[in-house]
Amino acid sequence: MRLFLLTALTMVAFAANSILNRMALAGGHIGPTDFGTIRLFAGAVMLAGLCVILRGGLRLGGPARAAGMLALLVYMYGFSLAYGALDAGLGALILFGTVQVTMFAGGLLAREAMPPRRWIGAALALAGLAWLLWPTGPVQVSVRHGLFMAAAGVGWGIYSLAGRRAEDALQATAANFILATPVGVVIGLALPVGAVDLTMPGVALAVLSGAVTSGMGYALWYSVLPRLDASIAAVAQLTVPVIAIAGGMILLGETLEGDTVLASALVLGGVAVSVLRRR
């Protein structure tokens, strides 16, 4: 039960991250590249402070450190480069679809047991997600930006797989953010400047996202990953868009439609079939 609650709390943190991202970028308060760089820096500062207070210092080494750091950069900046040029729902489908493929492939390579119900449940949840997020009108699809979002999904999948080897979740997450930040700043400076100017609300939302829902949320994710099969960790993340939609209704006043309820029920039902043990 404790593992279930910690995993659920992590998914809520991820959904909150999505809502903060939407508030900042869709509201025109900040550009996606600036948001990603500030988010990374704020996460590094918060996690470094927590390590000094709670662990007495920082440890930047550890298993899969290079993979975790590079995957974090690919995820954050792949997402930033794709954002705005893709329909939000289609982008989320590409992101979560590639995460599933990457983490299921990691589970197969690690020879994890994957019973048929896990595959069936994952397929049902993905079908529900497609129903939930598919654009309602005609959409112009940019192949280049679709590839950026797919790269972000692969990056997050690898980042999650690397976390299954973390010996100390807080130290490992802090090391990933701290080592990635200088590279991220260079990437942010090298990328073309967007048309959106920095504003204080945008910076505040990026700092909140980086320090709390990303930094602390990712540390919590690394704490539960060693106790989850890769495929279960992958399927559990399909609940994030559903939680984010619920949060959007509560915090942003978004409307609830009948199709949203049915699609969300299919997603959650598929996740339940996939991850819950039969009695």
C-alpha atoms as a PDB file:
ATOM      1  CA  MET A   1       0.000   0.000   0.000  1.00  0.00           C
ATOM      2  CA  ARG A   2       2.840   2.399   0.831  1.00  0.00           C
ATOM      3  CA  LEU A   3       4.414   1.817  -2.597  1.00  0.00           C
ATOM      4  CA  PHE A   4       1.052   2.429  -4.277  1.00  0.00           C
ATOM      5  CA  LEU A   5       0.550   5.709  -2.391  1.00  0.00           C
ATOM      6  CA  LEU A   6       4.079   6.935  -3.171  1.00  0.00           C
ATOM      7  CA  THR A   7       3.614   6.080  -6.848  1.00  0.00           C
ATOM      8  CA  ALA A   8       0.249   7.866  -6.906  1.00  0.00           C
ATOM      9  CA  LEU A   9       1.807  10.934  -5.254  1.00  0.00           C
ATOM     10  CA  THR A  10       4.542  10.911  -7.895  1.00  0.00           C
ATOM     11  CA  MET A  11       1.967  10.841 -10.688  1.00  0.00           C
ATOM     12  CA  VAL A  12       0.200  13.815  -9.064  1.00  0.00           C
ATOM     13  CA  ALA A  13       3.538  15.686  -9.024  1.00  0.00           C
ATOM     14  CA  PHE A  14       4.034  14.931 -12.722  1.00  0.00           C
ATOM     15  CA  ALA A  15       0.512  16.128 -13.504  1.00  0.00           C
ATOM     16  CA  ALA A  16       1.107  19.309 -11.492  1.00  0.00           C
ATOM     17  CA  ASN A  17       4.244  19.839 -13.551  1.00  0.00           C
ATOM     18  CA  SER A  18       2.150  19.608 -16.702  1.00  0.00           C
ATOM     19  CA  ILE A  19      -0.339  22.160 -15.352  1.00  0.00           C
ATOM     20  CA  LEU A  20       2.426  24.605 -14.374  1.00  0.00           C
ATOM     21  CA  ASN A  21       3.969  24.190 -17.811  1.00  0.00           C
ATOM     22  CA  ARG A  22       0.632  24.932 -19.471  1.00  0.00           C
ATOM     23  CA  MET A  23      -0.026  27.959 -17.243  1.00  0.00           C
ATOM     24  CA  ALA A  24       3.384  29.437 -18.077  1.00  0.00           C
ATOM     25  CA  LEU A  25       3.653  28.671 -21.783  1.00  0.00           C
ATOM     26  CA  ALA A  26       0.048  28.773 -22.972  1.00  0.00           C
ATOM     27  CA  GLY A  27      -0.419  31.953 -20.948  1.00  0.00           C
ATOM     28  CA  GLY A  28       2.422  33.613 -22.880  1.00  0.00           C
ATOM     29  CA  HIS A  29       4.448  34.329 -19.724  1.00  0.00           C
ATOM     30  CA  ILE A  30       7.685  32.680 -20.904  1.00  0.00           C
ATOM     31  CA  GLY A  31       9.153  30.812 -23.873  1.00  0.00           C
ATOM     32  CA  PRO A  32       9.632  27.027 -23.754  1.00  0.00           C
ATOM     33  CA  THR A  33      13.439  27.110 -23.875  1.00  0.00           C
ATOM     34  CA  ASP A  34      13.702  29.679 -21.073  1.00  0.00           C
ATOM     35  CA  PHE A  35      11.172  27.682 -19.075  1.00  0.00           C
ATOM     36  CA  GLY A  36      13.242  24.507 -19.477  1.00  0.00           C
ATOM     37  CA  THR A  37      16.532  26.172 -18.500  1.00  0.00           C
ATOM     38  CA  ILE A  38      15.121  27.921 -15.422  1.00  0.00           C
ATOM     39  CA  ARG A  39      13.305  24.734 -14.431  1.00  0.00           C
ATOM     40  CA  LEU A  40      16.555  22.746 -14.630  1.00  0.00           C
ATOM     41  CA  PHE A  41      18.535  25.341 -12.663  1.00  0.00           C
ATOM     42  CA  ALA A  42      15.876  25.672  -9.946  1.00  0.00           C
ATOM     43  CA  GLY A  43      15.716  21.902  -9.555  1.00  0.00           C
ATOM     44  CA  ALA A  44      19.491  21.705  -9.194  1.00  0.00           C
ATOM     45  CA  VAL A  45      19.551  24.413  -6.498  1.00  0.00           C
ATOM     46  CA  MET A  46      16.695  22.862  -4.517  1.00  0.00           C
ATOM     47  CA  LEU A  47      18.096  19.331  -4.662  1.00  0.00           C
ATOM     48  CA  ALA A  48      21.633  20.455  -3.815  1.00  0.00           C
ATOM     49  CA  GLY A  49      20.317  22.264  -0.740  1.00  0.00           C
ATOM     50  CA  LEU A  50      18.313  19.220   0.360  1.00  0.00           C
ATOM     51  CA  CYS A  51      21.369  16.968  -0.042  1.00  0.00           C
ATOM     52  CA  VAL A  52      23.522  19.293   2.051  1.00  0.00           C
ATOM     53  CA  ILE A  53      20.866  19.498   4.786  1.00  0.00           C
ATOM     54  CA  LEU A  54      19.710  15.885   4.811  1.00  0.00           C
ATOM     55  CA  ARG A  55      22.822  14.001   3.627  1.00  0.00           C
ATOM     56  CA  GLY A  56      25.600  16.287   4.786  1.00  0.00           C
ATOM     57  CA  GLY A  57      26.958  16.834   1.288  1.00  0.00           C
ATOM     58  CA  LEU A  58      26.720  15.984  -2.394  1.00  0.00           C
ATOM     59  CA  ARG A  59      27.749  12.823  -4.215  1.00  0.00           C
ATOM     60  CA  LEU A  60      27.819  13.340  -7.958  1.00  0.00           C
ATOM     61  CA  GLY A  61      28.878   9.822  -8.955  1.00  0.00           C
ATOM     62  CA  GLY A  62      26.868   6.623  -8.914  1.00  0.00           C
ATOM     63  CA  PRO A  63      25.469   3.961 -11.241  1.00  0.00           C
ATOM     64  CA  ALA A  64      24.003   5.113 -14.567  1.00  0.00           C
ATOM     65  CA  ARG A  65      24.888   8.733 -13.791  1.00  0.00           C
ATOM     66  CA  ALA A  66      25.914   9.682 -17.339  1.00  0.00           C
ATOM     67  CA  ALA A  67      22.811   8.009 -18.771  1.00  0.00           C
ATOM     68  CA  GLY A  68      20.536   9.770 -16.278  1.00  0.00           C
ATOM     69  CA  MET A  69      22.064  13.195 -16.849  1.00  0.00           C
ATOM     70  CA  LEU A  70      22.049  12.972 -20.652  1.00  0.00           C
ATOM     71  CA  ALA A  71      18.533  11.506 -20.723  1.00  0.00           C
ATOM     72  CA  LEU A  72      17.267  14.359 -18.541  1.00  0.00           C
ATOM     73  CA  LEU A  73      18.691  16.896 -21.007  1.00  0.00           C
ATOM     74  CA  VAL A  74      17.200  15.093 -24.008  1.00  0.00           C
ATOM     75  CA  TYR A  75      13.801  14.995 -22.326  1.00  0.00           C
ATOM     76  CA  MET A  76      13.712  18.630 -21.189  1.00  0.00           C
ATOM     77  CA  TYR A  77      15.032  20.223 -24.370  1.00  0.00           C
ATOM     78  CA  GLY A  78      13.370  17.781 -26.764  1.00  0.00           C
ATOM     79  CA  PHE A  79      10.088  18.747 -25.131  1.00  0.00           C
ATOM     80  CA  SER A  80      10.974  22.453 -25.277  1.00  0.00           C
ATOM     81  CA  LEU A  81      11.865  22.310 -28.978  1.00  0.00           C
ATOM     82  CA  ALA A  82       8.658  20.444 -29.821  1.00  0.00           C
ATOM     83  CA  TYR A  83       6.317  22.516 -27.677  1.00  0.00           C
ATOM     84  CA  GLY A  84       4.217  25.069 -29.497  1.00  0.00           C
ATOM     85  CA  ALA A  85       4.741  23.544 -32.943  1.00  0.00           C
ATOM     86  CA  LEU A  86       2.633  20.465 -32.145  1.00  0.00           C
ATOM     87  CA  ASP A  87      -0.972  20.177 -31.060  1.00  0.00           C
ATOM     88  CA  ALA A  88      -0.824  19.661 -27.285  1.00  0.00           C
ATOM     89  CA  GLY A  89      -2.849  16.435 -27.354  1.00  0.00           C
ATOM     90  CA  LEU A  90      -0.909  14.943 -30.255  1.00  0.00           C
ATOM     91  CA  GLY A  91       2.375  15.916 -28.593  1.00  0.00           C
ATOM     92  CA  ALA A  92       1.336  14.168 -25.377  1.00  0.00           C
ATOM     93  CA  LEU A  93       0.388  11.045 -27.350  1.00  0.00           C
ATOM     94  CA  ILE A  94       3.803  10.948 -29.013  1.00  0.00           C
ATOM     95  CA  LEU A  95       5.542  11.565 -25.685  1.00  0.00           C
ATOM     96  CA  PHE A  96       3.704   8.904 -23.675  1.00  0.00           C
ATOM     97  CA  GLY A  97       3.722   6.422 -26.552  1.00  0.00           C
ATOM     98  CA  THR A  98       7.507   6.560 -26.890  1.00  0.00           C
ATOM     99  CA  VAL A  99       7.908   6.340 -23.103  1.00  0.00           C
ATOM    100  CA  GLN A 100       5.885   3.095 -23.170  1.00  0.00           C
ATOM    101  CA  VAL A 101       7.921   1.616 -26.003  1.00  0.00           C
ATOM    102  CA  THR A 102      11.238   2.593 -24.399  1.00  0.00           C
ATOM    103  CA  MET A 103      10.436   1.254 -20.945  1.00  0.00           C
ATOM    104  CA  PHE A 104       8.787  -1.951 -22.168  1.00  0.00           C
ATOM    105  CA  ALA A 105      11.889  -2.547 -24.310  1.00  0.00           C
ATOM    106  CA  GLY A 106      14.044  -1.967 -21.215  1.00  0.00           C
ATOM    107  CA  GLY A 107      11.959  -4.486 -19.295  1.00  0.00           C
ATOM    108  CA  LEU A 108      12.309  -7.072 -22.061  1.00  0.00           C
ATOM    109  CA  LEU A 109      16.074  -6.572 -22.198  1.00  0.00           C
ATOM    110  CA  ALA A 110      16.203  -7.048 -18.417  1.00  0.00           C
ATOM    111  CA  ARG A 111      14.167 -10.276 -18.850  1.00  0.00           C
ATOM    112  CA  GLU A 112      11.343  -9.078 -16.610  1.00  0.00           C
ATOM    113  CA  ALA A 113       8.207 -11.194 -16.489  1.00  0.00           C
ATOM    114  CA  MET A 114       5.447  -9.531 -18.523  1.00  0.00           C
ATOM    115  CA  PRO A 115       2.184 -11.500 -18.323  1.00  0.00           C
ATOM    116  CA  PRO A 116      -0.362 -11.093 -21.149  1.00  0.00           C
ATOM    117  CA  ARG A 117      -2.682  -8.972 -18.976  1.00  0.00           C
ATOM    118  CA  ARG A 118       0.068  -6.329 -18.706  1.00  0.00           C
ATOM    119  CA  TRP A 119       0.232  -5.994 -22.478  1.00  0.00           C
ATOM    120  CA  ILE A 120      -3.567  -6.017 -22.772  1.00  0.00           C
ATOM    121  CA  GLY A 121      -3.969  -3.402 -20.037  1.00  0.00           C
ATOM    122  CA  ALA A 122      -1.289  -1.179 -21.566  1.00  0.00           C
ATOM    123  CA  ALA A 123      -2.985  -1.414 -24.970  1.00  0.00           C
ATOM    124  CA  LEU A 124      -6.363  -0.493 -23.463  1.00  0.00           C
ATOM    125  CA  ALA A 125      -4.852   2.450 -21.571  1.00  0.00           C
ATOM    126  CA  LEU A 126      -3.075   3.719 -24.696  1.00  0.00           C
ATOM    127  CA  ALA A 127      -6.307   3.422 -26.678  1.00  0.00           C
ATOM    128  CA  GLY A 128      -8.079   5.449 -23.993  1.00  0.00           C
ATOM    129  CA  LEU A 129      -5.296   8.011 -24.066  1.00  0.00           C
ATOM    130  CA  ALA A 130      -5.606   8.339 -27.849  1.00  0.00           C
ATOM    131  CA  TRP A 131      -9.353   8.888 -27.451  1.00  0.00           C
ATOM    132  CA  LEU A 132      -8.725  11.422 -24.689  1.00  0.00           C
ATOM    133  CA  LEU A 133      -6.018  13.452 -26.423  1.00  0.00           C
ATOM    134  CA  TRP A 134      -6.682  13.114 -30.157  1.00  0.00           C
ATOM    135  CA  PRO A 135      -7.164  16.538 -31.783  1.00  0.00           C
ATOM    136  CA  THR A 136     -10.768  17.368 -32.652  1.00  0.00           C
ATOM    137  CA  GLY A 137     -10.037  19.393 -35.786  1.00  0.00           C
ATOM    138  CA  PRO A 138      -7.554  19.228 -38.678  1.00  0.00           C
ATOM    139  CA  VAL A 139      -3.951  19.308 -37.499  1.00  0.00           C
ATOM    140  CA  GLN A 140      -0.777  20.207 -39.358  1.00  0.00           C
ATOM    141  CA  VAL A 141       1.874  17.740 -38.212  1.00  0.00           C
ATOM    142  CA  SER A 142       5.501  18.846 -38.294  1.00  0.00           C
ATOM    143  CA  VAL A 143       7.695  15.772 -38.711  1.00  0.00           C
ATOM    144  CA  ARG A 144      10.696  17.576 -37.270  1.00  0.00           C
ATOM    145  CA  HIS A 145       8.879  18.647 -34.120  1.00  0.00           C
ATOM    146  CA  GLY A 146       7.254  15.239 -33.823  1.00  0.00           C
ATOM    147  CA  LEU A 147      10.753  13.735 -33.790  1.00  0.00           C
ATOM    148  CA  PHE A 148      11.782  16.188 -31.069  1.00  0.00           C
ATOM    149  CA  MET A 149       8.844  15.030 -28.938  1.00  0.00           C
ATOM    150  CA  ALA A 150       9.641  11.382 -29.650  1.00  0.00           C
ATOM    151  CA  ALA A 151      13.237  12.046 -28.552  1.00  0.00           C
ATOM    152  CA  ALA A 152      11.864  13.582 -25.346  1.00  0.00           C
ATOM    153  CA  GLY A 153       9.843  10.414 -24.736  1.00  0.00           C
ATOM    154  CA  VAL A 154      12.868   8.185 -25.284  1.00  0.00           C
ATOM    155  CA  GLY A 155      14.888  10.462 -22.990  1.00  0.00           C
ATOM    156  CA  TRP A 156      12.318  10.205 -20.207  1.00  0.00           C
ATOM    157  CA  GLY A 157      12.088   6.444 -20.650  1.00  0.00           C
ATOM    158  CA  ILE A 158      15.859   6.073 -20.330  1.00  0.00           C
ATOM    159  CA  TYR A 159      15.905   8.484 -17.384  1.00  0.00           C
ATOM    160  CA  SER A 160      13.324   6.317 -15.626  1.00  0.00           C
ATOM    161  CA  LEU A 161      15.177   3.089 -16.434  1.00  0.00           C
ATOM    162  CA  ALA A 162      18.385   4.603 -15.072  1.00  0.00           C
ATOM    163  CA  GLY A 163      16.555   5.464 -11.851  1.00  0.00           C
ATOM    164  CA  ARG A 164      15.938   1.777 -11.140  1.00  0.00           C
ATOM    165  CA  ARG A 165      19.649   1.525 -10.271  1.00  0.00           C
ATOM    166  CA  ALA A 166      19.649   4.494  -7.890  1.00  0.00           C
ATOM    167  CA  GLU A 167      21.121   3.686  -4.471  1.00  0.00           C
ATOM    168  CA  ASP A 168      20.079   7.030  -2.937  1.00  0.00           C
ATOM    169  CA  ALA A 169      17.154   8.621  -4.775  1.00  0.00           C
ATOM    170  CA  LEU A 170      17.817  12.156  -3.520  1.00  0.00           C
ATOM    171  CA  GLN A 171      21.548  12.120  -4.257  1.00  0.00           C
ATOM    172  CA  ALA A 172      21.016  10.519  -7.674  1.00  0.00           C
ATOM    173  CA  THR A 173      18.379  13.049  -8.739  1.00  0.00           C
ATOM    174  CA  ALA A 174      20.455  15.947  -7.416  1.00  0.00           C
ATOM    175  CA  ALA A 175      23.500  14.724  -9.327  1.00  0.00           C
ATOM    176  CA  ASN A 176      21.502  14.424 -12.555  1.00  0.00           C
ATOM    177  CA  PHE A 177      20.181  17.994 -12.242  1.00  0.00           C
ATOM    178  CA  ILE A 178      23.489  19.517 -11.103  1.00  0.00           C
ATOM    179  CA  LEU A 179      25.546  17.892 -13.870  1.00  0.00           C
ATOM    180  CA  ALA A 180      22.915  18.670 -16.503  1.00  0.00           C
ATOM    181  CA  THR A 181      22.512  22.351 -15.579  1.00  0.00           C
ATOM    182  CA  PRO A 182      25.744  23.786 -17.126  1.00  0.00           C
ATOM    183  CA  VAL A 183      25.079  21.887 -20.354  1.00  0.00           C
ATOM    184  CA  GLY A 184      21.455  23.012 -20.259  1.00  0.00           C
ATOM    185  CA  VAL A 185      22.454  26.670 -19.895  1.00  0.00           C
ATOM    186  CA  VAL A 186      24.720  26.366 -22.953  1.00  0.00           C
ATOM    187  CA  ILE A 187      21.926  24.685 -24.928  1.00  0.00           C
ATOM    188  CA  GLY A 188      19.473  27.378 -23.856  1.00  0.00           C
ATOM    189  CA  LEU A 189      21.832  30.136 -24.991  1.00  0.00           C
ATOM    190  CA  ALA A 190      22.563  28.380 -28.286  1.00  0.00           C
ATOM    191  CA  LEU A 191      18.920  27.840 -29.237  1.00  0.00           C
ATOM    192  CA  PRO A 192      17.132  30.621 -31.160  1.00  0.00           C
ATOM    193  CA  VAL A 193      15.494  33.232 -28.962  1.00  0.00           C
ATOM    194  CA  GLY A 194      11.714  32.848 -29.011  1.00  0.00           C
ATOM    195  CA  ALA A 195       9.146  35.545 -29.557  1.00  0.00           C
ATOM    196  CA  VAL A 196       7.947  35.361 -25.925  1.00  0.00           C
ATOM    197  CA  ASP A 197       9.641  37.659 -23.407  1.00  0.00           C
ATOM    198  CA  LEU A 198      10.443  36.638 -19.852  1.00  0.00           C
ATOM    199  CA  THR A 199       7.933  37.818 -17.272  1.00  0.00           C
ATOM    200  CA  MET A 200       7.953  37.459 -13.498  1.00  0.00           C
ATOM    201  CA  PRO A 201       4.922  35.103 -13.473  1.00  0.00           C
ATOM    202  CA  GLY A 202       6.656  32.926 -16.069  1.00  0.00           C
ATOM    203  CA  VAL A 203       9.897  32.806 -14.082  1.00  0.00           C
ATOM    204  CA  ALA A 204       7.987  32.051 -10.863  1.00  0.00           C
ATOM    205  CA  LEU A 205       6.106  29.173 -12.513  1.00  0.00           C
ATOM    206  CA  ALA A 206       9.358  27.784 -13.966  1.00  0.00           C
ATOM    207  CA  VAL A 207      11.054  27.964 -10.545  1.00  0.00           C
ATOM    208  CA  LEU A 208       8.094  26.264  -8.865  1.00  0.00           C
ATOM    209  CA  SER A 209       8.093  23.569 -11.537  1.00  0.00           C
ATOM    210  CA  GLY A 210      11.841  23.006 -11.264  1.00  0.00           C
ATOM    211  CA  ALA A 211      12.236  23.138  -7.496  1.00  0.00           C
ATOM    212  CA  VAL A 212       9.091  21.277  -6.415  1.00  0.00           C
ATOM    213  CA  THR A 213       7.216  19.269  -9.014  1.00  0.00           C
ATOM    214  CA  SER A 214      10.330  18.392 -11.064  1.00  0.00           C
ATOM    215  CA  GLY A 215      13.195  18.268  -8.563  1.00  0.00           C
ATOM    216  CA  MET A 216      11.367  16.804  -5.594  1.00  0.00           C
ATOM    217  CA  GLY A 217       8.914  14.892  -7.811  1.00  0.00           C
ATOM    218  CA  TYR A 218      11.743  13.218  -9.737  1.00  0.00           C
ATOM    219  CA  ALA A 219      13.518  12.346  -6.484  1.00  0.00           C
ATOM    220  CA  LEU A 220      10.314  10.661  -5.306  1.00  0.00           C
ATOM    221  CA  TRP A 221      10.113   8.842  -8.655  1.00  0.00           C
ATOM    222  CA  TYR A 222      13.674   7.558  -8.218  1.00  0.00           C
ATOM    223  CA  SER A 223      12.748   6.322  -4.738  1.00  0.00           C
ATOM    224  CA  VAL A 224       9.940   4.072  -6.059  1.00  0.00           C
ATOM    225  CA  LEU A 225      11.494   2.944  -9.360  1.00  0.00           C
ATOM    226  CA  PRO A 226      13.807   0.266  -7.851  1.00  0.00           C
ATOM    227  CA  ARG A 227      10.694  -1.446  -6.453  1.00  0.00           C
ATOM    228  CA  LEU A 228       8.694  -1.415  -9.709  1.00  0.00           C
ATOM    229  CA  ASP A 229       9.065  -3.469 -12.869  1.00  0.00           C
ATOM    230  CA  ALA A 230       9.955  -1.257 -15.822  1.00  0.00           C
ATOM    231  CA  SER A 231       6.690  -2.112 -17.585  1.00  0.00           C
ATOM    232  CA  ILE A 232       4.596  -1.311 -14.492  1.00  0.00           C
ATOM    233  CA  ALA A 233       6.410   2.022 -14.074  1.00  0.00           C
ATOM    234  CA  ALA A 234       5.699   2.762 -17.749  1.00  0.00           C
ATOM    235  CA  VAL A 235       1.981   1.975 -17.588  1.00  0.00           C
ATOM    236  CA  ALA A 236       1.488   3.881 -14.317  1.00  0.00           C
ATOM    237  CA  GLN A 237       2.552   7.077 -16.077  1.00  0.00           C
ATOM    238  CA  LEU A 238      -0.423   6.861 -18.434  1.00  0.00           C
ATOM    239  CA  THR A 239      -2.522   8.177 -15.540  1.00  0.00           C
ATOM    240  CA  VAL A 240      -0.685  11.525 -15.643  1.00  0.00           C
ATOM    241  CA  PRO A 241      -2.756  13.131 -18.455  1.00  0.00           C
ATOM    242  CA  VAL A 242      -5.968  12.080 -16.699  1.00  0.00           C
ATOM    243  CA  ILE A 243      -4.808  13.644 -13.424  1.00  0.00           C
ATOM    244  CA  ALA A 244      -3.647  16.755 -15.307  1.00  0.00           C
ATOM    245  CA  ILE A 245      -7.060  17.146 -16.962  1.00  0.00           C
ATOM    246  CA  ALA A 246      -8.752  16.851 -13.555  1.00  0.00           C
ATOM    247  CA  GLY A 247      -6.331  19.445 -12.177  1.00  0.00           C
ATOM    248  CA  GLY A 248      -7.012  21.720 -15.131  1.00  0.00           C
ATOM    249  CA  MET A 249     -10.722  21.624 -14.373  1.00  0.00           C
ATOM    250  CA  ILE A 250     -10.103  22.459 -10.714  1.00  0.00           C
ATOM    251  CA  LEU A 251      -7.375  25.080 -11.123  1.00  0.00           C
ATOM    252  CA  LEU A 252      -7.950  26.493 -14.602  1.00  0.00           C
ATOM    253  CA  GLY A 253     -11.731  26.218 -14.864  1.00  0.00           C
ATOM    254  CA  GLU A 254     -11.621  23.860 -17.856  1.00  0.00           C
ATOM    255  CA  THR A 255     -14.875  22.138 -18.800  1.00  0.00           C
ATOM    256  CA  LEU A 256     -15.656  18.437 -18.418  1.00  0.00           C
ATOM    257  CA  GLU A 257     -17.216  16.585 -21.352  1.00  0.00           C
ATOM    258  CA  GLY A 258     -18.794  13.149 -21.550  1.00  0.00           C
ATOM    259  CA  ASP A 259     -16.122  11.781 -23.891  1.00  0.00           C
ATOM    260  CA  THR A 260     -13.459  12.895 -21.424  1.00  0.00           C
ATOM    261  CA  VAL A 261     -15.077  10.849 -18.659  1.00  0.00           C
ATOM    262  CA  LEU A 262     -15.358   7.713 -20.808  1.00  0.00           C
ATOM    263  CA  ALA A 263     -11.833   7.999 -22.204  1.00  0.00           C
ATOM    264  CA  SER A 264     -10.394   8.612 -18.736  1.00  0.00           C
ATOM    265  CA  ALA A 265     -12.248   5.556 -17.411  1.00  0.00           C
ATOM    266  CA  LEU A 266     -10.733   3.461 -20.209  1.00  0.00           C
ATOM    267  CA  VAL A 267      -7.230   4.743 -19.382  1.00  0.00           C
ATOM    268  CA  LEU A 268      -7.589   4.042 -15.662  1.00  0.00           C
ATOM    269  CA  GLY A 269      -9.228   0.673 -16.301  1.00  0.00           C
ATOM    270  CA  GLY A 270      -6.405  -0.353 -18.628  1.00  0.00           C
ATOM    271  CA  VAL A 271      -3.809   0.699 -16.070  1.00  0.00           C
ATOM    272  CA  ALA A 272      -5.644  -1.320 -13.385  1.00  0.00           C
ATOM    273  CA  VAL A 273      -5.747  -4.426 -15.605  1.00  0.00           C
ATOM    274  CA  SER A 274      -2.049  -4.034 -16.344  1.00  0.00           C
ATOM    275  CA  VAL A 275      -0.599  -3.381 -12.899  1.00  0.00           C
ATOM    276  CA  LEU A 276      -2.926  -4.941 -10.318  1.00  0.00           C
ATOM    277  CA  ARG A 277      -2.297  -8.536  -9.333  1.00  0.00           C
ATOM    278  CA  ARG A 278      -5.094 -11.037  -9.725  1.00  0.00           C
ATOM    279  CA  ARG A 279      -6.389 -12.469  -6.466  1.00  0.00           C
END
